[in-house]
Amino acid sequence: MLELPHVIVAAALFKTLPAPLALPASLASHFVLDMLPHWNPHVNREITRHGHILPLSQKIIYLDLVLAVFFSLVYSIFFTSGLAGMYTSLSCSLMSVLPDVLQFPYYFAGVKHPLITGLIAFQKKHQFDVAPLPGLLFQAFIILLSLLILYN
């Protein structure tokens, strides 16, 4: 799943759960969301077939990261109360994307650490990948549902 839905779900969890529970729930939500139908660039497949991540996939990944960081910052600065709320909200965002962020050294720097390759193997086993259109539509649905929770 793209990073933007992960951080928006994390914000909804931050809003609905007490602070101590929102952090592990945000991390757990990453794995739950990845088991739902979705689409994202298949960087592992691209590296295997082409020896590198394709330029379009790189653009999608970078745009998604910028949007996820932008949403996380705007939500934490303008829609939480106090520094504790802001930091907890940002921490929830980080926890929700942490499994993907930990894979960046593998895909973008060629680091083949056993913990990273193990995480990648685990993630691949639990992905529910679908074609781009239904996968992106389902992610849009997840985003809308989470925004309804956030703003009600």
C-alpha atoms as a PDB file:
ATOM      1  CA  MET A   1       0.000   0.000   0.000  1.00  0.00           C
ATOM      2  CA  LEU A   2       1.144   3.538  -0.599  1.00  0.00           C
ATOM      3  CA  GLU A   3       2.388   5.531   2.408  1.00  0.00           C
ATOM      4  CA  LEU A   4      -0.342   8.187   2.318  1.00  0.00           C
ATOM      5  CA  PRO A   5      -3.166   5.807   3.332  1.00  0.00           C
ATOM      6  CA  HIS A   6      -0.962   4.407   6.102  1.00  0.00           C
ATOM      7  CA  VAL A   7      -0.392   7.821   7.710  1.00  0.00           C
ATOM      8  CA  ILE A   8      -4.029   8.900   7.358  1.00  0.00           C
ATOM      9  CA  VAL A   9      -5.170   5.692   9.063  1.00  0.00           C
ATOM     10  CA  ALA A  10      -2.563   6.373  11.776  1.00  0.00           C
ATOM     11  CA  ALA A  11      -4.047   9.840  12.307  1.00  0.00           C
ATOM     12  CA  ALA A  12      -7.498   8.275  12.688  1.00  0.00           C
ATOM     13  CA  LEU A  13      -6.080   5.821  15.220  1.00  0.00           C
ATOM     14  CA  PHE A  14      -4.388   8.692  17.063  1.00  0.00           C
ATOM     15  CA  LYS A  15      -7.738  10.472  17.267  1.00  0.00           C
ATOM     16  CA  THR A  16      -9.743   7.464  18.439  1.00  0.00           C
ATOM     17  CA  LEU A  17      -7.342   5.631  20.762  1.00  0.00           C
ATOM     18  CA  PRO A  18      -5.513   6.698  23.923  1.00  0.00           C
ATOM     19  CA  ALA A  19      -1.928   7.791  23.206  1.00  0.00           C
ATOM     20  CA  PRO A  20      -0.155   4.689  24.516  1.00  0.00           C
ATOM     21  CA  LEU A  21      -2.332   2.377  22.402  1.00  0.00           C
ATOM     22  CA  ALA A  22      -2.268   4.502  19.252  1.00  0.00           C
ATOM     23  CA  LEU A  23       1.451   3.870  18.678  1.00  0.00           C
ATOM     24  CA  PRO A  24       1.438   0.047  18.489  1.00  0.00           C
ATOM     25  CA  ALA A  25      -1.957   0.178  16.752  1.00  0.00           C
ATOM     26  CA  SER A  26      -0.414   2.379  14.061  1.00  0.00           C
ATOM     27  CA  LEU A  27       2.389  -0.123  13.534  1.00  0.00           C
ATOM     28  CA  ALA A  28      -0.059  -3.047  13.458  1.00  0.00           C
ATOM     29  CA  SER A  29      -2.287  -1.163  11.021  1.00  0.00           C
ATOM     30  CA  HIS A  30       0.541  -1.230   8.487  1.00  0.00           C
ATOM     31  CA  PHE A  31       0.408  -5.022   8.271  1.00  0.00           C
ATOM     32  CA  VAL A  32      -3.399  -5.130   8.325  1.00  0.00           C
ATOM     33  CA  LEU A  33      -3.676  -2.576   5.509  1.00  0.00           C
ATOM     34  CA  ASP A  34      -1.129  -4.451   3.410  1.00  0.00           C
ATOM     35  CA  MET A  35      -3.375  -7.529   3.605  1.00  0.00           C
ATOM     36  CA  LEU A  36      -6.207  -5.570   1.949  1.00  0.00           C
ATOM     37  CA  PRO A  37      -6.399  -5.216  -1.846  1.00  0.00           C
ATOM     38  CA  HIS A  38      -4.096  -2.443  -3.004  1.00  0.00           C
ATOM     39  CA  TRP A  39      -1.574  -1.399  -5.616  1.00  0.00           C
ATOM     40  CA  ASN A  40       1.857   0.156  -5.298  1.00  0.00           C
ATOM     41  CA  PRO A  41       5.005   0.092  -7.425  1.00  0.00           C
ATOM     42  CA  HIS A  42       6.585  -3.369  -7.418  1.00  0.00           C
ATOM     43  CA  VAL A  43      10.157  -2.292  -6.819  1.00  0.00           C
ATOM     44  CA  ASN A  44      11.456  -5.768  -5.993  1.00  0.00           C
ATOM     45  CA  ARG A  45      10.143  -7.084  -9.313  1.00  0.00           C
ATOM     46  CA  GLU A  46      11.598  -4.089 -11.165  1.00  0.00           C
ATOM     47  CA  ILE A  47      15.031  -4.574  -9.605  1.00  0.00           C
ATOM     48  CA  THR A  48      14.929  -8.287 -10.476  1.00  0.00           C
ATOM     49  CA  ARG A  49      13.845  -7.697 -14.085  1.00  0.00           C
ATOM     50  CA  HIS A  50      15.587  -4.425 -14.934  1.00  0.00           C
ATOM     51  CA  GLY A  51      18.379  -4.130 -12.378  1.00  0.00           C
ATOM     52  CA  HIS A  52      16.949  -0.880 -10.995  1.00  0.00           C
ATOM     53  CA  ILE A  53      13.727   0.857  -9.974  1.00  0.00           C
ATOM     54  CA  LEU A  54      12.011   2.322 -13.026  1.00  0.00           C
ATOM     55  CA  PRO A  55      11.795   6.136 -13.227  1.00  0.00           C
ATOM     56  CA  LEU A  56       7.972   6.177 -13.058  1.00  0.00           C
ATOM     57  CA  SER A  57       8.024   4.073  -9.897  1.00  0.00           C
ATOM     58  CA  GLN A  58      10.622   6.387  -8.362  1.00  0.00           C
ATOM     59  CA  LYS A  59       8.395   9.384  -9.097  1.00  0.00           C
ATOM     60  CA  ILE A  60       5.352   7.645  -7.590  1.00  0.00           C
ATOM     61  CA  ILE A  61       7.328   6.691  -4.476  1.00  0.00           C
ATOM     62  CA  TYR A  62       8.736  10.190  -3.976  1.00  0.00           C
ATOM     63  CA  LEU A  63       5.367  11.885  -4.574  1.00  0.00           C
ATOM     64  CA  ASP A  64       3.700   9.487  -2.150  1.00  0.00           C
ATOM     65  CA  LEU A  65       6.365  10.201   0.489  1.00  0.00           C
ATOM     66  CA  VAL A  66       6.003  13.964   0.054  1.00  0.00           C
ATOM     67  CA  LEU A  67       2.206  13.717   0.393  1.00  0.00           C
ATOM     68  CA  ALA A  68       2.489  11.451   3.445  1.00  0.00           C
ATOM     69  CA  VAL A  69       4.964  13.769   5.192  1.00  0.00           C
ATOM     70  CA  PHE A  70       2.902  16.834   4.257  1.00  0.00           C
ATOM     71  CA  PHE A  71      -0.311  15.298   5.614  1.00  0.00           C
ATOM     72  CA  SER A  72       1.444  14.148   8.803  1.00  0.00           C
ATOM     73  CA  LEU A  73       2.931  17.579   9.473  1.00  0.00           C
ATOM     74  CA  VAL A  74      -0.251  19.522   8.689  1.00  0.00           C
ATOM     75  CA  TYR A  75      -2.404  17.216  10.799  1.00  0.00           C
ATOM     76  CA  SER A  76      -0.018  17.201  13.754  1.00  0.00           C
ATOM     77  CA  ILE A  77       0.554  20.971  13.710  1.00  0.00           C
ATOM     78  CA  PHE A  78      -2.987  22.186  13.091  1.00  0.00           C
ATOM     79  CA  PHE A  79      -5.287  19.433  14.367  1.00  0.00           C
ATOM     80  CA  THR A  80      -3.683  18.221  17.588  1.00  0.00           C
ATOM     81  CA  SER A  81      -3.357  19.986  20.901  1.00  0.00           C
ATOM     82  CA  GLY A  82      -0.037  20.716  22.560  1.00  0.00           C
ATOM     83  CA  LEU A  83       3.427  19.411  21.889  1.00  0.00           C
ATOM     84  CA  ALA A  84       2.612  15.985  23.302  1.00  0.00           C
ATOM     85  CA  GLY A  85      -0.267  15.598  20.842  1.00  0.00           C
ATOM     86  CA  MET A  86       1.861  16.798  17.973  1.00  0.00           C
ATOM     87  CA  TYR A  87       4.743  14.449  18.783  1.00  0.00           C
ATOM     88  CA  THR A  88       2.440  11.496  19.390  1.00  0.00           C
ATOM     89  CA  SER A  89       0.627  12.107  16.106  1.00  0.00           C
ATOM     90  CA  LEU A  90       3.932  12.288  14.222  1.00  0.00           C
ATOM     91  CA  SER A  91       5.120   9.153  16.004  1.00  0.00           C
ATOM     92  CA  CYS A  92       1.944   7.341  14.935  1.00  0.00           C
ATOM     93  CA  SER A  93       2.634   8.383  11.348  1.00  0.00           C
ATOM     94  CA  LEU A  94       6.185   7.083  11.584  1.00  0.00           C
ATOM     95  CA  MET A  95       5.073   3.796  13.139  1.00  0.00           C
ATOM     96  CA  SER A  96       2.516   3.287  10.365  1.00  0.00           C
ATOM     97  CA  VAL A  97       5.173   3.447   7.629  1.00  0.00           C
ATOM     98  CA  LEU A  98       8.142   2.046   9.574  1.00  0.00           C
ATOM     99  CA  PRO A  99       8.111  -1.405   7.910  1.00  0.00           C
ATOM    100  CA  ASP A 100       8.367   0.261   4.487  1.00  0.00           C
ATOM    101  CA  VAL A 101      10.930   2.846   5.590  1.00  0.00           C
ATOM    102  CA  LEU A 102      13.160   0.065   6.927  1.00  0.00           C
ATOM    103  CA  GLN A 103      13.250  -1.383   3.394  1.00  0.00           C
ATOM    104  CA  PHE A 104      14.582   1.809   1.785  1.00  0.00           C
ATOM    105  CA  PRO A 105      18.284   0.938   2.360  1.00  0.00           C
ATOM    106  CA  TYR A 106      17.728  -2.338   0.488  1.00  0.00           C
ATOM    107  CA  TYR A 107      15.967  -0.819  -2.506  1.00  0.00           C
ATOM    108  CA  PHE A 108      17.748   2.507  -2.786  1.00  0.00           C
ATOM    109  CA  ALA A 109      21.251   1.749  -1.472  1.00  0.00           C
ATOM    110  CA  GLY A 110      21.642  -1.986  -2.074  1.00  0.00           C
ATOM    111  CA  VAL A 111      22.026  -2.850   1.637  1.00  0.00           C
ATOM    112  CA  LYS A 112      21.323  -6.589   1.979  1.00  0.00           C
ATOM    113  CA  HIS A 113      21.139  -6.902   5.779  1.00  0.00           C
ATOM    114  CA  PRO A 114      19.403 -10.128   6.936  1.00  0.00           C
ATOM    115  CA  LEU A 115      16.867  -8.212   9.037  1.00  0.00           C
ATOM    116  CA  ILE A 116      15.839  -6.131   6.026  1.00  0.00           C
ATOM    117  CA  THR A 117      15.653  -9.110   3.661  1.00  0.00           C
ATOM    118  CA  GLY A 118      13.626 -10.995   6.277  1.00  0.00           C
ATOM    119  CA  LEU A 119      11.214  -8.074   6.584  1.00  0.00           C
ATOM    120  CA  ILE A 120      10.882  -7.907   2.792  1.00  0.00           C
ATOM    121  CA  ALA A 121      10.128 -11.641   2.607  1.00  0.00           C
ATOM    122  CA  PHE A 122       7.520 -11.298   5.369  1.00  0.00           C
ATOM    123  CA  GLN A 123       5.900  -8.303   3.669  1.00  0.00           C
ATOM    124  CA  LYS A 124       5.795 -10.062   0.281  1.00  0.00           C
ATOM    125  CA  LYS A 125       3.980 -13.055   1.814  1.00  0.00           C
ATOM    126  CA  HIS A 126       1.286 -10.827   3.301  1.00  0.00           C
ATOM    127  CA  GLN A 127       0.590  -8.415   0.432  1.00  0.00           C
ATOM    128  CA  PHE A 128      -2.729  -8.424  -1.428  1.00  0.00           C
ATOM    129  CA  ASP A 129      -1.617  -6.867  -4.698  1.00  0.00           C
ATOM    130  CA  VAL A 130      -4.208  -6.096  -7.356  1.00  0.00           C
ATOM    131  CA  ALA A 131      -4.226  -4.214 -10.658  1.00  0.00           C
ATOM    132  CA  PRO A 132      -3.585  -0.445 -10.486  1.00  0.00           C
ATOM    133  CA  LEU A 133      -7.147   0.859 -10.924  1.00  0.00           C
ATOM    134  CA  PRO A 134      -8.938  -1.278  -8.315  1.00  0.00           C
ATOM    135  CA  GLY A 135      -5.923  -1.055  -5.999  1.00  0.00           C
ATOM    136  CA  LEU A 136      -5.807   2.736  -6.101  1.00  0.00           C
ATOM    137  CA  LEU A 137      -9.600   3.008  -5.803  1.00  0.00           C
ATOM    138  CA  PHE A 138      -9.558   0.831  -2.689  1.00  0.00           C
ATOM    139  CA  GLN A 139      -6.812   2.988  -1.181  1.00  0.00           C
ATOM    140  CA  ALA A 140      -8.896   6.083  -1.953  1.00  0.00           C
ATOM    141  CA  PHE A 141     -11.788   4.408  -0.113  1.00  0.00           C
ATOM    142  CA  ILE A 142      -9.538   3.751   2.915  1.00  0.00           C
ATOM    143  CA  ILE A 143      -8.405   7.393   2.851  1.00  0.00           C
ATOM    144  CA  LEU A 144     -11.992   8.695   2.669  1.00  0.00           C
ATOM    145  CA  LEU A 145     -13.133   6.414   5.483  1.00  0.00           C
ATOM    146  CA  SER A 146     -10.226   7.559   7.657  1.00  0.00           C
ATOM    147  CA  LEU A 147     -10.892  11.226   6.876  1.00  0.00           C
ATOM    148  CA  LEU A 148     -14.524  10.731   7.934  1.00  0.00           C
ATOM    149  CA  ILE A 149     -13.279   9.418  11.270  1.00  0.00           C
ATOM    150  CA  LEU A 150     -10.838  12.308  11.593  1.00  0.00           C
ATOM    151  CA  TYR A 151     -13.279  15.086  10.867  1.00  0.00           C
ATOM    152  CA  ASN A 152     -16.390  13.841  12.671  1.00  0.00           C
END
